[in-house]
C-alpha atoms as a PDB file:
ATOM      1  CA  MET A   1       0.000   0.000   0.000  1.00  0.00           C
ATOM      2  CA  LEU A   2       1.218   3.501  -0.807  1.00  0.00           C
ATOM      3  CA  GLU A   3       2.461   5.453   2.180  1.00  0.00           C
ATOM      4  CA  LEU A   4       1.295   9.031   1.868  1.00  0.00           C
ATOM      5  CA  THR A   5       3.692  11.762   2.895  1.00  0.00           C
ATOM      6  CA  ALA A   6       3.332  15.507   3.264  1.00  0.00           C
ATOM      7  CA  THR A   7       6.056  17.332   1.397  1.00  0.00           C
ATOM      8  CA  SER A   8       6.311  20.888   2.656  1.00  0.00           C
ATOM      9  CA  PRO A   9       5.359  23.425  -0.022  1.00  0.00           C
ATOM     10  CA  LYS A  10       7.865  26.242  -0.468  1.00  0.00           C
ATOM     11  CA  ASN A  11       5.293  28.947  -1.103  1.00  0.00           C
ATOM     12  CA  PHE A  12       2.395  29.635   1.254  1.00  0.00           C
ATOM     13  CA  GLN A  13       0.618  32.236  -0.890  1.00  0.00           C
ATOM     14  CA  LYS A  14      -2.728  30.505  -1.331  1.00  0.00           C
ATOM     15  CA  PRO A  15      -1.417  27.239  -2.798  1.00  0.00           C
ATOM     16  CA  CYS A  16      -3.630  25.280  -5.177  1.00  0.00           C
ATOM     17  CA  LEU A  17      -3.477  21.497  -5.544  1.00  0.00           C
ATOM     18  CA  CYS A  18      -4.270  19.855  -8.885  1.00  0.00           C
ATOM     19  CA  VAL A  19      -4.533  16.056  -8.754  1.00  0.00           C
ATOM     20  CA  LEU A  20      -4.400  14.365 -12.153  1.00  0.00           C
ATOM     21  CA  VAL A  21      -5.859  10.845 -12.106  1.00  0.00           C
ATOM     22  CA  LEU A  22      -4.806   9.214 -15.364  1.00  0.00           C
ATOM     23  CA  ASP A  23      -5.859   5.999 -17.098  1.00  0.00           C
ATOM     24  CA  VAL A  24      -2.850   3.905 -18.125  1.00  0.00           C
ATOM     25  CA  SER A  25      -4.752   0.678 -18.850  1.00  0.00           C
ATOM     26  CA  SER A  26      -3.840  -1.386 -21.916  1.00  0.00           C
ATOM     27  CA  SER A  27      -6.501   0.337 -24.035  1.00  0.00           C
ATOM     28  CA  MET A  28      -4.331   3.462 -23.853  1.00  0.00           C
ATOM     29  CA  GLU A  29      -1.423   1.758 -25.646  1.00  0.00           C
ATOM     30  CA  GLY A  30      -0.073   3.298 -28.839  1.00  0.00           C
ATOM     31  CA  THR A  31      -1.182   6.730 -29.995  1.00  0.00           C
ATOM     32  CA  PRO A  32      -3.314   7.636 -26.933  1.00  0.00           C
ATOM     33  CA  ILE A  33      -0.520   7.214 -24.378  1.00  0.00           C
ATOM     34  CA  LEU A  34       1.954   8.986 -26.673  1.00  0.00           C
ATOM     35  CA  GLU A  35      -0.409  11.931 -27.062  1.00  0.00           C
ATOM     36  CA  LEU A  36      -1.121  12.016 -23.333  1.00  0.00           C
ATOM     37  CA  ASN A  37       2.599  12.058 -22.509  1.00  0.00           C
ATOM     38  CA  GLY A  38       3.171  14.872 -24.982  1.00  0.00           C
ATOM     39  CA  ALA A  39       0.260  16.875 -23.589  1.00  0.00           C
ATOM     40  CA  LEU A  40       1.494  16.453 -20.015  1.00  0.00           C
ATOM     41  CA  LYS A  41       4.908  17.806 -20.977  1.00  0.00           C
ATOM     42  CA  GLU A  42       3.267  20.794 -22.673  1.00  0.00           C
ATOM     43  CA  PHE A  43       1.209  21.400 -19.531  1.00  0.00           C
ATOM     44  CA  TYR A  44       4.327  21.215 -17.373  1.00  0.00           C
ATOM     45  CA  ASN A  45       6.178  23.674 -19.626  1.00  0.00           C
ATOM     46  CA  SER A  46       3.240  26.097 -19.712  1.00  0.00           C
ATOM     47  CA  ILE A  47       3.025  26.203 -15.921  1.00  0.00           C
ATOM     48  CA  ASN A  48       6.802  26.482 -15.610  1.00  0.00           C
ATOM     49  CA  GLN A  49       6.833  29.526 -17.901  1.00  0.00           C
ATOM     50  CA  ASP A  50       4.040  31.262 -15.969  1.00  0.00           C
ATOM     51  CA  ASP A  51       5.582  32.736 -12.809  1.00  0.00           C
ATOM     52  CA  GLU A  52       2.272  33.150 -10.998  1.00  0.00           C
ATOM     53  CA  ALA A  53       1.040  29.635 -11.785  1.00  0.00           C
ATOM     54  CA  ALA A  54       4.409  28.111 -10.964  1.00  0.00           C
ATOM     55  CA  GLU A  55       4.381  29.774  -7.533  1.00  0.00           C
ATOM     56  CA  LYS A  56       0.975  28.522  -6.406  1.00  0.00           C
ATOM     57  CA  LEU A  57       0.090  25.362  -8.346  1.00  0.00           C
ATOM     58  CA  GLU A  58       1.024  22.002  -6.877  1.00  0.00           C
ATOM     59  CA  ILE A  59       0.630  19.004  -9.161  1.00  0.00           C
ATOM     60  CA  CYS A  60      -0.023  15.449  -8.009  1.00  0.00           C
ATOM     61  CA  ILE A  61      -0.215  12.564 -10.496  1.00  0.00           C
ATOM     62  CA  ILE A  62      -1.986   9.268  -9.867  1.00  0.00           C
ATOM     63  CA  THR A  63      -2.146   6.518 -12.477  1.00  0.00           C
ATOM     64  CA  PHE A  64      -4.478   3.558 -12.617  1.00  0.00           C
ATOM     65  CA  GLY A  65      -4.246   0.350 -14.632  1.00  0.00           C
ATOM     66  CA  SER A  66      -4.073  -3.024 -12.915  1.00  0.00           C
ATOM     67  CA  GLU A  67      -2.382  -1.095 -10.100  1.00  0.00           C
ATOM     68  CA  VAL A  68      -2.963   2.330  -8.632  1.00  0.00           C
ATOM     69  CA  LYS A  69       0.118   4.449  -8.040  1.00  0.00           C
ATOM     70  CA  CYS A  70       0.894   7.970  -6.934  1.00  0.00           C
ATOM     71  CA  ILE A  71       3.797   8.554  -9.296  1.00  0.00           C
ATOM     72  CA  GLN A  72       4.166  12.203  -8.322  1.00  0.00           C
ATOM     73  CA  GLU A  73       3.338  13.493  -4.853  1.00  0.00           C
ATOM     74  CA  PRO A  74       2.142  17.128  -4.617  1.00  0.00           C
ATOM     75  CA  ALA A  75       4.890  19.445  -5.815  1.00  0.00           C
ATOM     76  CA  LYS A  76       5.480  22.612  -7.790  1.00  0.00           C
ATOM     77  CA  VAL A  77       6.948  22.338 -11.265  1.00  0.00           C
ATOM     78  CA  ASP A  78      10.386  23.490 -10.177  1.00  0.00           C
ATOM     79  CA  ASP A  79      10.557  20.534  -7.781  1.00  0.00           C
ATOM     80  CA  PHE A  80       9.927  17.662 -10.209  1.00  0.00           C
ATOM     81  CA  LYS A  81      10.107  16.528 -13.818  1.00  0.00           C
ATOM     82  CA  MET A  82       7.008  15.292 -15.608  1.00  0.00           C
ATOM     83  CA  PRO A  83       7.155  11.478 -15.648  1.00  0.00           C
ATOM     84  CA  SER A  84       6.560   9.411 -18.778  1.00  0.00           C
ATOM     85  CA  LEU A  85       3.555   7.076 -18.638  1.00  0.00           C
ATOM     86  CA  VAL A  86       3.394   3.482 -19.882  1.00  0.00           C
ATOM     87  CA  ALA A  87       0.063   1.785 -20.651  1.00  0.00           C
ATOM     88  CA  ASN A  88      -0.667  -1.683 -19.300  1.00  0.00           C
ATOM     89  CA  GLY A  89      -3.341  -3.660 -17.479  1.00  0.00           C
ATOM     90  CA  THR A  90      -6.966  -3.235 -16.469  1.00  0.00           C
ATOM     91  CA  THR A  91      -8.862  -0.217 -15.122  1.00  0.00           C
ATOM     92  CA  LYS A  92      -8.819   0.299 -11.351  1.00  0.00           C
ATOM     93  CA  LEU A  93     -10.531   3.639 -11.824  1.00  0.00           C
ATOM     94  CA  VAL A  94     -12.445   3.750  -8.541  1.00  0.00           C
ATOM     95  CA  ASP A  95      -9.329   2.953  -6.523  1.00  0.00           C
ATOM     96  CA  GLY A  96      -7.471   5.706  -8.371  1.00  0.00           C
ATOM     97  CA  ILE A  97     -10.090   8.292  -7.451  1.00  0.00           C
ATOM     98  CA  LYS A  98     -10.143   7.159  -3.825  1.00  0.00           C
ATOM     99  CA  LEU A  99      -6.376   7.619  -3.631  1.00  0.00           C
ATOM    100  CA  ALA A 100      -6.753  11.103  -5.127  1.00  0.00           C
ATOM    101  CA  ILE A 101      -9.261  11.997  -2.415  1.00  0.00           C
ATOM    102  CA  LYS A 102      -6.812  10.751   0.235  1.00  0.00           C
ATOM    103  CA  GLN A 103      -4.075  12.918  -1.248  1.00  0.00           C
ATOM    104  CA  VAL A 104      -6.392  15.935  -1.122  1.00  0.00           C
ATOM    105  CA  GLU A 105      -7.270  15.273   2.515  1.00  0.00           C
ATOM    106  CA  LEU A 106      -3.607  14.919   3.451  1.00  0.00           C
ATOM    107  CA  ARG A 107      -2.596  18.124   1.695  1.00  0.00           C
ATOM    108  CA  LYS A 108      -5.473  20.107   3.164  1.00  0.00           C
ATOM    109  CA  GLU A 109      -4.409  19.035   6.650  1.00  0.00           C
ATOM    110  CA  TYR A 110      -0.955  20.427   5.947  1.00  0.00           C
ATOM    111  CA  TYR A 111      -2.317  23.666   4.511  1.00  0.00           C
ATOM    112  CA  LYS A 112      -4.559  24.209   7.534  1.00  0.00           C
ATOM    113  CA  LYS A 113      -1.541  23.968   9.831  1.00  0.00           C
ATOM    114  CA  HIS A 114       0.907  26.036   7.808  1.00  0.00           C
ATOM    115  CA  SER A 115      -0.965  28.300   5.390  1.00  0.00           C
ATOM    116  CA  PRO A 116      -3.630  30.883   6.300  1.00  0.00           C
ATOM    117  CA  GLN A 117      -5.395  30.411   2.962  1.00  0.00           C
ATOM    118  CA  TYR A 118      -5.475  27.881   0.157  1.00  0.00           C
ATOM    119  CA  SER A 119      -7.529  27.357  -2.976  1.00  0.00           C
ATOM    120  CA  ARG A 120      -9.974  24.508  -3.252  1.00  0.00           C
ATOM    121  CA  PRO A 121      -8.127  21.433  -4.569  1.00  0.00           C
ATOM    122  CA  MET A 122      -8.977  20.057  -8.001  1.00  0.00           C
ATOM    123  CA  ILE A 123      -9.300  16.403  -8.975  1.00  0.00           C
ATOM    124  CA  LEU A 124      -9.253  15.742 -12.722  1.00  0.00           C
ATOM    125  CA  ILE A 125      -9.828  12.178 -13.899  1.00  0.00           C
ATOM    126  CA  MET A 126      -9.007  11.160 -17.461  1.00  0.00           C
ATOM    127  CA  THR A 127     -10.133   7.791 -18.846  1.00  0.00           C
ATOM    128  CA  ASP A 128     -10.878   6.092 -22.150  1.00  0.00           C
ATOM    129  CA  GLY A 129     -12.949   3.290 -20.635  1.00  0.00           C
ATOM    130  CA  GLU A 130     -14.863   2.251 -17.534  1.00  0.00           C
ATOM    131  CA  PRO A 131     -14.072   0.833 -14.069  1.00  0.00           C
ATOM    132  CA  ASP A 132     -13.251  -2.855 -13.676  1.00  0.00           C
ATOM    133  CA  SER A 133     -16.303  -4.899 -12.686  1.00  0.00           C
ATOM    134  CA  ASP A 134     -15.009  -5.461  -9.145  1.00  0.00           C
ATOM    135  CA  GLN A 135     -14.706  -1.740  -8.401  1.00  0.00           C
ATOM    136  CA  ASP A 136     -16.970  -0.232  -5.724  1.00  0.00           C
ATOM    137  CA  VAL A 137     -18.797   2.357  -7.814  1.00  0.00           C
ATOM    138  CA  ILE A 138     -21.696   2.613  -5.351  1.00  0.00           C
ATOM    139  CA  GLY A 139     -19.398   3.432  -2.459  1.00  0.00           C
ATOM    140  CA  LEU A 140     -17.491   5.975  -4.534  1.00  0.00           C
ATOM    141  CA  SER A 141     -20.726   7.610  -5.653  1.00  0.00           C
ATOM    142  CA  ALA A 142     -21.719   8.220  -2.025  1.00  0.00           C
ATOM    143  CA  ILE A 143     -18.298   9.679  -1.207  1.00  0.00           C
ATOM    144  CA  ILE A 144     -18.305  12.054  -4.175  1.00  0.00           C
ATOM    145  CA  ARG A 145     -21.882  13.163  -3.536  1.00  0.00           C
ATOM    146  CA  ALA A 146     -21.129  14.041   0.108  1.00  0.00           C
ATOM    147  CA  ASP A 147     -17.833  15.727  -0.728  1.00  0.00           C
ATOM    148  CA  MET A 148     -19.416  17.856  -3.453  1.00  0.00           C
ATOM    149  CA  ILE A 149     -22.045  19.091  -1.000  1.00  0.00           C
ATOM    150  CA  ALA A 150     -19.289  19.931   1.491  1.00  0.00           C
ATOM    151  CA  LYS A 151     -17.238  21.598  -1.277  1.00  0.00           C
ATOM    152  CA  LYS A 152     -14.113  19.711  -0.215  1.00  0.00           C
ATOM    153  CA  TYR A 153     -12.680  19.840  -3.735  1.00  0.00           C
ATOM    154  CA  THR A 154     -13.739  20.223  -7.340  1.00  0.00           C
ATOM    155  CA  LEU A 155     -13.892  17.073  -9.447  1.00  0.00           C
ATOM    156  CA  HIS A 156     -14.354  16.409 -13.150  1.00  0.00           C
ATOM    157  CA  VAL A 157     -14.102  13.332 -15.326  1.00  0.00           C
ATOM    158  CA  LEU A 158     -12.637  13.869 -18.792  1.00  0.00           C
ATOM    159  CA  GLY A 159     -13.682  11.058 -21.075  1.00  0.00           C
ATOM    160  CA  THR A 160     -11.408  10.410 -24.037  1.00  0.00           C
ATOM    161  CA  SER A 161     -12.295   8.472 -27.191  1.00  0.00           C
ATOM    162  CA  GLY A 162     -14.067   5.233 -26.296  1.00  0.00           C
ATOM    163  CA  TYR A 163     -15.010   6.052 -22.708  1.00  0.00           C
ATOM    164  CA  ASN A 164     -18.225   4.587 -21.293  1.00  0.00           C
ATOM    165  CA  TYR A 165     -20.379   7.564 -20.351  1.00  0.00           C
ATOM    166  CA  SER A 166     -23.159   5.513 -18.760  1.00  0.00           C
ATOM    167  CA  LYS A 167     -20.727   3.635 -16.510  1.00  0.00           C
ATOM    168  CA  ILE A 168     -18.952   6.820 -15.445  1.00  0.00           C
ATOM    169  CA  ALA A 169     -22.320   8.407 -14.653  1.00  0.00           C
ATOM    170  CA  THR A 170     -23.027   5.665 -12.090  1.00  0.00           C
ATOM    171  CA  PHE A 171     -20.566   7.275  -9.680  1.00  0.00           C
ATOM    172  CA  CYS A 172     -20.036  10.815 -10.959  1.00  0.00           C
ATOM    173  CA  PRO A 173     -22.708  13.525 -11.337  1.00  0.00           C
ATOM    174  CA  LYS A 174     -23.458  13.949 -15.033  1.00  0.00           C
ATOM    175  CA  GLU A 175     -22.726  17.668 -14.967  1.00  0.00           C
ATOM    176  CA  LEU A 176     -19.128  16.865 -14.010  1.00  0.00           C
ATOM    177  CA  ILE A 177     -18.479  14.540 -16.973  1.00  0.00           C
ATOM    178  CA  TYR A 178     -17.015  15.992 -20.167  1.00  0.00           C
ATOM    179  CA  GLY A 179     -16.015  14.232 -23.351  1.00  0.00           C
ATOM    180  CA  ILE A 180     -12.791  15.515 -24.902  1.00  0.00           C
ATOM    181  CA  GLY A 181     -12.266  12.909 -27.631  1.00  0.00           C
ATOM    182  CA  SER A 182      -8.563  12.695 -28.449  1.00  0.00           C
ATOM    183  CA  ASN A 183      -7.898  16.359 -27.629  1.00  0.00           C
ATOM    184  CA  TYR A 184      -5.220  15.665 -25.009  1.00  0.00           C
ATOM    185  CA  SER A 185      -3.003  18.575 -26.001  1.00  0.00           C
ATOM    186  CA  ARG A 186      -5.872  21.018 -26.337  1.00  0.00           C
ATOM    187  CA  PHE A 187      -7.240  20.061 -22.921  1.00  0.00           C
ATOM    188  CA  PHE A 188      -3.979  20.558 -21.057  1.00  0.00           C
ATOM    189  CA  LYS A 189      -3.325  23.866 -22.827  1.00  0.00           C
ATOM    190  CA  TRP A 190      -6.773  24.968 -21.663  1.00  0.00           C
ATOM    191  CA  LEU A 191      -6.117  23.693 -18.133  1.00  0.00           C
ATOM    192  CA  SER A 192      -2.831  25.593 -17.835  1.00  0.00           C
ATOM    193  CA  ARG A 193      -4.698  28.898 -18.105  1.00  0.00           C
ATOM    194  CA  SER A 194      -7.923  27.893 -16.311  1.00  0.00           C
ATOM    195  CA  THR A 195      -6.861  26.566 -12.912  1.00  0.00           C
ATOM    196  CA  ASP A 196      -8.052  29.627 -10.958  1.00  0.00           C
ATOM    197  CA  GLU A 197     -11.581  29.429 -12.333  1.00  0.00           C
ATOM    198  CA  LEU A 198     -11.746  25.656 -12.076  1.00  0.00           C
ATOM    199  CA  SER A 199     -10.575  25.672  -8.468  1.00  0.00           C
ATOM    200  CA  GLY A 200     -13.107  28.386  -7.702  1.00  0.00           C
ATOM    201  CA  GLY A 201     -15.943  26.122  -8.762  1.00  0.00           C
ATOM    202  CA  THR A 202     -16.717  27.638 -12.160  1.00  0.00           C
ATOM    203  CA  SER A 203     -18.356  25.132 -14.477  1.00  0.00           C
ATOM    204  CA  ILE A 204     -16.083  23.961 -17.292  1.00  0.00           C
ATOM    205  CA  SER A 205     -18.656  25.044 -19.864  1.00  0.00           C
ATOM    206  CA  ASP A 206     -18.502  28.602 -18.471  1.00  0.00           C
ATOM    207  CA  ILE A 207     -14.724  28.899 -18.812  1.00  0.00           C
ATOM    208  CA  ALA A 208     -13.347  30.447 -22.006  1.00  0.00           C
ATOM    209  CA  GLY A 209     -11.956  28.044 -24.582  1.00  0.00           C
ATOM    210  CA  SER A 210     -13.856  24.976 -23.368  1.00  0.00           C
ATOM    211  CA  ASP A 211     -16.045  24.668 -26.463  1.00  0.00           C
ATOM    212  CA  PHE A 212     -14.245  21.481 -27.599  1.00  0.00           C
ATOM    213  CA  MET A 213     -15.495  19.648 -24.494  1.00  0.00           C
ATOM    214  CA  GLU A 214     -19.009  18.249 -24.463  1.00  0.00           C
ATOM    215  CA  GLN A 215     -21.337  17.044 -21.733  1.00  0.00           C
ATOM    216  CA  SER A 216     -22.403  14.090 -23.840  1.00  0.00           C
ATOM    217  CA  PRO A 217     -20.690  10.860 -24.904  1.00  0.00           C
ATOM    218  CA  ILE A 218     -17.929  11.126 -27.524  1.00  0.00           C
ATOM    219  CA  ASN A 219     -16.738   7.955 -29.264  1.00  0.00           C
END
């Protein structure tokens, strides 16, 4: 089991945590994983070149396939290099989201002790499929529903080409599900300039440049 740690952030000026929960199951092999890796590097570079974003944004990366791993604990871009993802295995999607929620809880505890203010954390899940059949979607649905009411974090599912909208909707409110097709690069370019609004609770559809994302299944 992953042992969570709290790495001390260097900057206490209203830090903002962005947890990326990424599908690396075998269906992502080939072009999808190559495009995702390229888009992640572009995202990293965009944040790194934006002094304000680089000072406040902490990025955490969780991958899920047959295993769930936190491959990058919360850190600012000047403290890590974007890892390269490899696709393999099944889709432990629910477990990946639960680990993301644990990371958010851990980081918020640290912020409350050491920072007078912090932005609401963001959890962004990207998948091209659906959870494995043994995943506890009912339990996750209850957790997300309660956490959304309490405004503990913002959460969105980004479905890429082939994702199962109906399965995702069993645990995630439909208004938080967006299809992005194969627009990996376009999404992360949009994200690099939209973190303030997204963290503040603005709906994706109300943020400039989000017209390529749709709240309906894309295949």
